[in-house]
Amino acid sequence: MALGRHKLTLLVLVLSVSVLLYLLLPSGHSERAMEQQTESLSPDPQSNITVRSATLSGDWPTFYREAVPRNGIDGVGSERFVVLLLHGRSFTSKTWQDLGTLGTLADHGYRAVAIDLPGYGESLRAQPMSSEKGRTDYLLHVMENLGTHQPVLVCPSMSGLFCLPLLMQHPDRLRGFVPIAPVGTKSFKQEQYQQIQVPTLIVYGTLDTNLGSQSLESLQLLPHHRLVPLEGAGHACYLDRPEEFHAALIRYLSNL
């Protein structure tokens, strides 16, 4: 009789442990998924570009590629300032990697970072920002987490919805500004442009008669600007003339 009670107690104990392990399994899987989402991936040995994914805060995941200097430019082996590259509606951060922009900047000693804006690329799970304040706060948050106070901001097409409000509200947070036919230029007044002192490189394709010419009308009001028309190039002019675009960008950065 005692032996029977002992077996029954042992059976109940085994069943209890089994149920407990079953209940804990989903939690364990969730923790592993979180670790994988935030871990750093291995650097690309060919281009020396480190690829990382991270959740910056709350529902604001971002994905950026960081290129660091390869050969110790100027013999000091240290980084220059950060070049933060955004993207147009049809593109992602990978565009700048495939185009060679990140590698080119790294070769010249700049820390180059391309991010996926909310709702694009590796940031698909992030909700797109619908307000000007939300988009501005997002960029400030990205800059803080990248550890840069004054990046040079490269701003093509759709990303103008993020860049231009930041330029107008926090010009002191930018070392330089490179607009490439950005949207949203008509949302600001002439006086606002004329008050901005940020050195600006305006890049556009001569065949872009839509956003290129429209944005140029407003951007030329910025007092410290240089114009770089890329002949025979369309809206995404950096894709049509990558070598000319890179050369112009490096010249501009070297004078900051």
Protein backbone atom coordinates (compact mmCIF):
# COMPACT_ATOMS: atom_id res chain seq x y z
CA MET A 1 0.00 0.00 0.00
CA ALA A 2 2.85 2.36 0.97
CA LEU A 3 4.64 1.42 -2.24
CA GLY A 4 1.55 2.32 -4.27
CA ARG A 5 1.29 5.72 -2.62
CA HIS A 6 4.97 6.32 -3.34
CA LYS A 7 4.51 5.55 -7.06
CA LEU A 8 1.46 7.83 -7.23
CA THR A 9 3.37 10.69 -5.60
CA LEU A 10 6.27 10.21 -8.05
CA LEU A 11 3.88 10.21 -11.03
CA VAL A 12 2.23 13.45 -9.87
CA LEU A 13 5.66 15.05 -9.44
CA VAL A 14 6.75 14.05 -12.97
CA LEU A 15 3.54 15.38 -14.46
CA SER A 16 3.89 18.66 -12.56
CA VAL A 17 7.46 19.16 -13.80
CA SER A 18 6.36 18.38 -17.39
CA VAL A 19 3.55 20.95 -17.26
CA LEU A 20 5.88 23.56 -15.79
CA LEU A 21 8.46 23.04 -18.53
CA TYR A 22 5.74 23.27 -21.20
CA LEU A 23 4.52 26.60 -19.81
CA LEU A 24 8.02 28.02 -19.70
CA LEU A 25 8.96 27.11 -23.29
CA PRO A 26 7.25 30.10 -25.05
CA SER A 27 9.01 32.53 -22.73
CA GLY A 28 12.37 30.94 -23.50
CA HIS A 29 11.78 31.20 -27.25
CA SER A 30 10.80 34.88 -26.93
CA GLU A 31 13.99 35.72 -25.04
CA ARG A 32 16.13 34.00 -27.66
CA ALA A 33 14.34 35.87 -30.45
CA MET A 34 15.02 39.17 -28.69
CA GLU A 35 18.73 38.38 -28.34
CA GLN A 36 18.99 37.52 -32.03
CA GLN A 37 17.26 40.73 -32.99
CA THR A 38 19.70 42.91 -31.11
CA GLU A 39 22.97 41.06 -31.69
CA SER A 40 25.70 42.40 -33.96
CA LEU A 41 26.46 40.55 -37.16
CA SER A 42 29.93 39.81 -38.41
CA PRO A 43 31.74 42.55 -40.36
CA ASP A 44 31.95 42.21 -44.12
CA PRO A 45 35.66 41.47 -44.73
CA GLN A 46 35.49 42.78 -48.29
CA SER A 47 34.16 46.26 -47.55
CA ASN A 48 34.92 46.56 -43.82
CA ILE A 49 31.29 47.49 -43.17
CA THR A 50 29.79 46.36 -39.90
CA VAL A 51 26.12 45.40 -40.15
CA ARG A 52 24.00 45.62 -37.02
CA SER A 53 20.33 45.53 -36.13
CA ALA A 54 18.95 46.95 -32.91
CA THR A 55 15.79 48.17 -31.23
CA LEU A 56 16.60 51.70 -30.16
CA SER A 57 13.65 52.34 -27.91
CA GLY A 58 10.11 51.06 -27.58
CA ASP A 59 8.66 50.48 -31.05
CA TRP A 60 11.48 52.25 -32.88
CA PRO A 61 13.73 49.55 -34.30
CA THR A 62 16.43 50.72 -36.69
CA PHE A 63 18.96 49.00 -38.88
CA TYR A 64 22.25 50.60 -39.78
CA ARG A 65 25.48 49.79 -41.54
CA GLU A 66 28.57 51.37 -40.18
CA ALA A 67 31.79 51.71 -42.16
CA VAL A 68 34.94 52.47 -40.21
CA PRO A 69 38.30 53.68 -41.59
CA ARG A 70 40.42 50.87 -42.98
CA ASN A 71 43.91 52.28 -43.18
CA GLY A 72 44.20 55.08 -40.65
CA ILE A 73 43.58 58.09 -42.88
CA ASP A 74 46.05 60.96 -42.37
CA GLY A 75 48.23 58.63 -40.33
CA VAL A 76 46.23 59.04 -37.13
CA GLY A 77 44.03 55.95 -37.36
CA SER A 78 41.01 57.82 -35.99
CA GLU A 79 37.53 58.46 -37.31
CA ARG A 80 36.34 61.73 -38.72
CA PHE A 81 32.74 62.80 -38.23
CA VAL A 82 29.69 60.68 -39.00
CA VAL A 83 27.93 60.74 -42.35
CA LEU A 84 24.33 59.60 -41.83
CA LEU A 85 22.62 58.41 -45.01
CA LEU A 86 18.85 58.10 -45.35
CA HIS A 87 16.98 56.74 -48.38
CA GLY A 88 14.12 57.35 -50.80
CA ARG A 89 10.78 55.57 -50.86
CA SER A 90 11.87 52.82 -53.27
CA PHE A 91 15.19 52.14 -51.54
CA THR A 92 16.73 51.06 -48.22
CA SER A 93 20.03 51.33 -46.38
CA LYS A 94 21.33 48.51 -48.60
CA THR A 95 21.27 50.91 -51.56
CA TRP A 96 24.26 52.78 -50.13
CA GLN A 97 26.13 49.55 -49.54
CA ASP A 98 25.49 48.20 -53.04
CA LEU A 99 26.39 51.54 -54.62
CA GLY A 100 29.73 51.58 -52.81
CA THR A 101 28.99 54.81 -50.96
CA LEU A 102 29.69 53.35 -47.51
CA GLY A 103 32.98 51.85 -48.65
CA THR A 104 34.03 55.05 -50.40
CA LEU A 105 33.38 57.13 -47.32
CA ALA A 106 35.23 54.62 -45.15
CA ASP A 107 38.21 54.72 -47.49
CA HIS A 108 38.41 58.47 -46.92
CA GLY A 109 38.26 58.16 -43.16
CA TYR A 110 34.61 58.90 -42.47
CA ARG A 111 32.28 56.88 -40.29
CA ALA A 112 29.36 56.17 -42.63
CA VAL A 113 26.02 54.96 -41.32
CA ALA A 114 22.96 54.13 -43.43
CA ILE A 115 19.69 53.44 -41.65
CA ASP A 116 16.37 51.99 -42.69
CA LEU A 117 13.63 54.47 -41.94
CA PRO A 118 10.56 53.14 -40.04
CA GLY A 119 8.56 50.80 -42.27
CA TYR A 120 11.44 50.01 -44.65
CA GLY A 121 14.10 47.31 -44.98
CA GLU A 122 14.95 45.74 -41.62
CA SER A 123 12.68 48.27 -39.87
CA LEU A 124 9.48 46.89 -41.40
CA ARG A 125 7.95 46.20 -38.01
CA ALA A 126 8.26 49.85 -37.01
CA GLN A 127 5.20 52.00 -37.64
CA PRO A 128 5.77 54.80 -40.18
CA MET A 129 5.92 58.24 -38.56
CA SER A 130 2.91 60.37 -39.47
CA SER A 131 3.83 63.61 -37.68
CA GLU A 132 6.62 66.09 -38.27
CA LYS A 133 7.56 66.00 -34.59
CA GLY A 134 7.65 62.20 -34.58
CA ARG A 135 10.01 62.12 -37.56
CA THR A 136 12.27 64.79 -36.07
CA ASP A 137 12.39 63.06 -32.70
CA TYR A 138 13.17 59.78 -34.46
CA LEU A 139 16.27 61.22 -36.16
CA LEU A 140 17.43 62.85 -32.92
CA HIS A 141 16.99 59.49 -31.21
CA VAL A 142 18.99 57.70 -33.90
CA MET A 143 21.79 60.28 -33.62
CA GLU A 144 21.89 59.88 -29.85
CA ASN A 145 22.16 56.10 -30.09
CA LEU A 146 24.87 56.35 -32.73
CA GLY A 147 26.82 58.59 -30.38
CA THR A 148 27.00 61.52 -32.80
CA HIS A 149 26.01 65.08 -31.98
CA GLN A 150 26.55 66.68 -35.40
CA PRO A 151 26.47 64.30 -38.36
CA VAL A 152 26.44 65.23 -42.00
CA LEU A 153 22.96 64.23 -43.18
CA VAL A 154 22.46 62.84 -46.70
CA CYS A 155 18.80 63.30 -47.59
CA PRO A 156 17.33 61.92 -50.83
CA SER A 157 13.71 62.19 -51.93
CA MET A 158 11.17 60.85 -49.40
CA SER A 159 13.60 61.26 -46.50
CA GLY A 160 13.11 65.01 -46.83
CA LEU A 161 10.07 64.49 -44.60
CA PHE A 162 12.56 63.61 -41.85
CA CYS A 163 15.53 65.82 -42.76
CA LEU A 164 13.94 69.18 -43.49
CA PRO A 165 12.06 69.54 -40.18
CA LEU A 166 15.27 68.60 -38.36
CA LEU A 167 17.22 71.16 -40.37
CA MET A 168 14.71 73.90 -39.60
CA GLN A 169 14.19 73.11 -35.92
CA HIS A 170 17.65 71.92 -34.89
CA PRO A 171 20.24 73.30 -37.35
CA ASP A 172 22.83 73.19 -34.56
CA ARG A 173 22.58 69.40 -34.61
CA LEU A 174 23.94 69.14 -38.17
CA ARG A 175 27.50 69.60 -39.33
CA GLY A 176 26.44 69.43 -42.95
CA PHE A 177 23.41 68.80 -45.14
CA VAL A 178 23.28 67.01 -48.51
CA PRO A 179 19.77 67.17 -49.99
CA ILE A 180 19.13 65.15 -53.16
CA ALA A 181 15.77 66.27 -54.58
CA PRO A 182 14.00 65.93 -51.20
CA VAL A 183 10.26 66.12 -50.79
CA GLY A 184 8.64 68.69 -48.54
CA THR A 185 10.65 71.77 -49.44
CA LYS A 186 7.51 73.84 -50.04
CA SER A 187 6.41 73.31 -46.43
CA PHE A 188 8.81 75.99 -45.18
CA LYS A 189 9.03 79.72 -45.76
CA GLN A 190 11.74 81.71 -47.49
CA GLU A 191 12.77 83.33 -44.21
CA GLN A 192 13.29 79.93 -42.61
CA TYR A 193 15.72 78.83 -45.30
CA GLN A 194 17.65 82.09 -45.19
CA GLN A 195 18.30 81.72 -41.46
CA ILE A 196 20.01 78.33 -41.75
CA GLN A 197 23.79 78.47 -41.54
CA VAL A 198 24.51 74.77 -42.16
CA PRO A 199 26.94 74.15 -45.07
CA THR A 200 24.84 72.48 -47.76
CA LEU A 201 25.64 70.46 -50.89
CA ILE A 202 22.61 70.44 -53.21
CA VAL A 203 22.75 67.45 -55.58
CA TYR A 204 20.22 66.87 -58.36
CA GLY A 205 19.90 65.20 -61.74
CA THR A 206 19.45 67.48 -64.73
CA LEU A 207 16.75 65.16 -66.09
CA ASP A 208 14.74 65.33 -62.86
CA THR A 209 12.28 68.01 -63.91
CA ASN A 210 9.88 67.13 -61.10
CA LEU A 211 11.30 67.03 -57.56
CA GLY A 212 14.76 68.03 -58.68
CA SER A 213 13.74 71.41 -60.08
CA GLN A 214 11.01 71.98 -57.48
CA SER A 215 13.25 71.41 -54.49
CA LEU A 216 16.08 73.41 -56.04
CA GLU A 217 13.95 76.54 -56.02
CA SER A 218 13.69 76.43 -52.22
CA LEU A 219 17.05 74.91 -51.36
CA GLN A 220 18.95 77.66 -53.16
CA LEU A 221 17.67 80.03 -50.47
CA LEU A 222 20.06 78.38 -48.01
CA PRO A 223 22.89 80.93 -47.67
CA HIS A 224 25.81 78.46 -47.52
CA HIS A 225 25.16 76.09 -50.40
CA ARG A 226 26.96 74.58 -53.36
CA LEU A 227 25.22 73.15 -56.41
CA VAL A 228 26.16 69.83 -58.02
CA PRO A 229 24.02 69.08 -61.09
CA LEU A 230 24.62 65.56 -62.38
CA GLU A 231 24.25 65.75 -66.14
CA GLY A 232 21.94 63.24 -67.80
CA ALA A 233 20.83 61.81 -64.44
CA GLY A 234 17.27 61.32 -63.25
CA HIS A 235 15.62 61.58 -59.86
CA ALA A 236 17.87 59.02 -58.12
CA CYS A 237 20.84 60.76 -59.69
CA TYR A 238 23.42 59.09 -57.43
CA LEU A 239 22.49 55.76 -59.05
CA ASP A 240 22.96 57.17 -62.56
CA ARG A 241 26.26 58.93 -61.80
CA PRO A 242 27.79 57.22 -58.75
CA GLU A 243 31.41 58.18 -59.42
CA GLU A 244 30.55 61.87 -59.91
CA PHE A 245 28.32 61.80 -56.86
CA HIS A 246 31.00 60.23 -54.68
CA ALA A 247 33.67 62.65 -55.90
CA ALA A 248 31.44 65.66 -55.18
CA LEU A 249 30.52 64.31 -51.75
CA ILE A 250 34.14 63.71 -50.74
CA ARG A 251 35.18 67.19 -51.91
CA TYR A 252 32.37 68.72 -49.89
CA LEU A 253 33.20 66.73 -46.75
CA SER A 254 36.89 67.58 -46.96
CA ASN A 255 36.03 71.28 -46.72
CA LEU A 256 33.86 71.02 -43.62
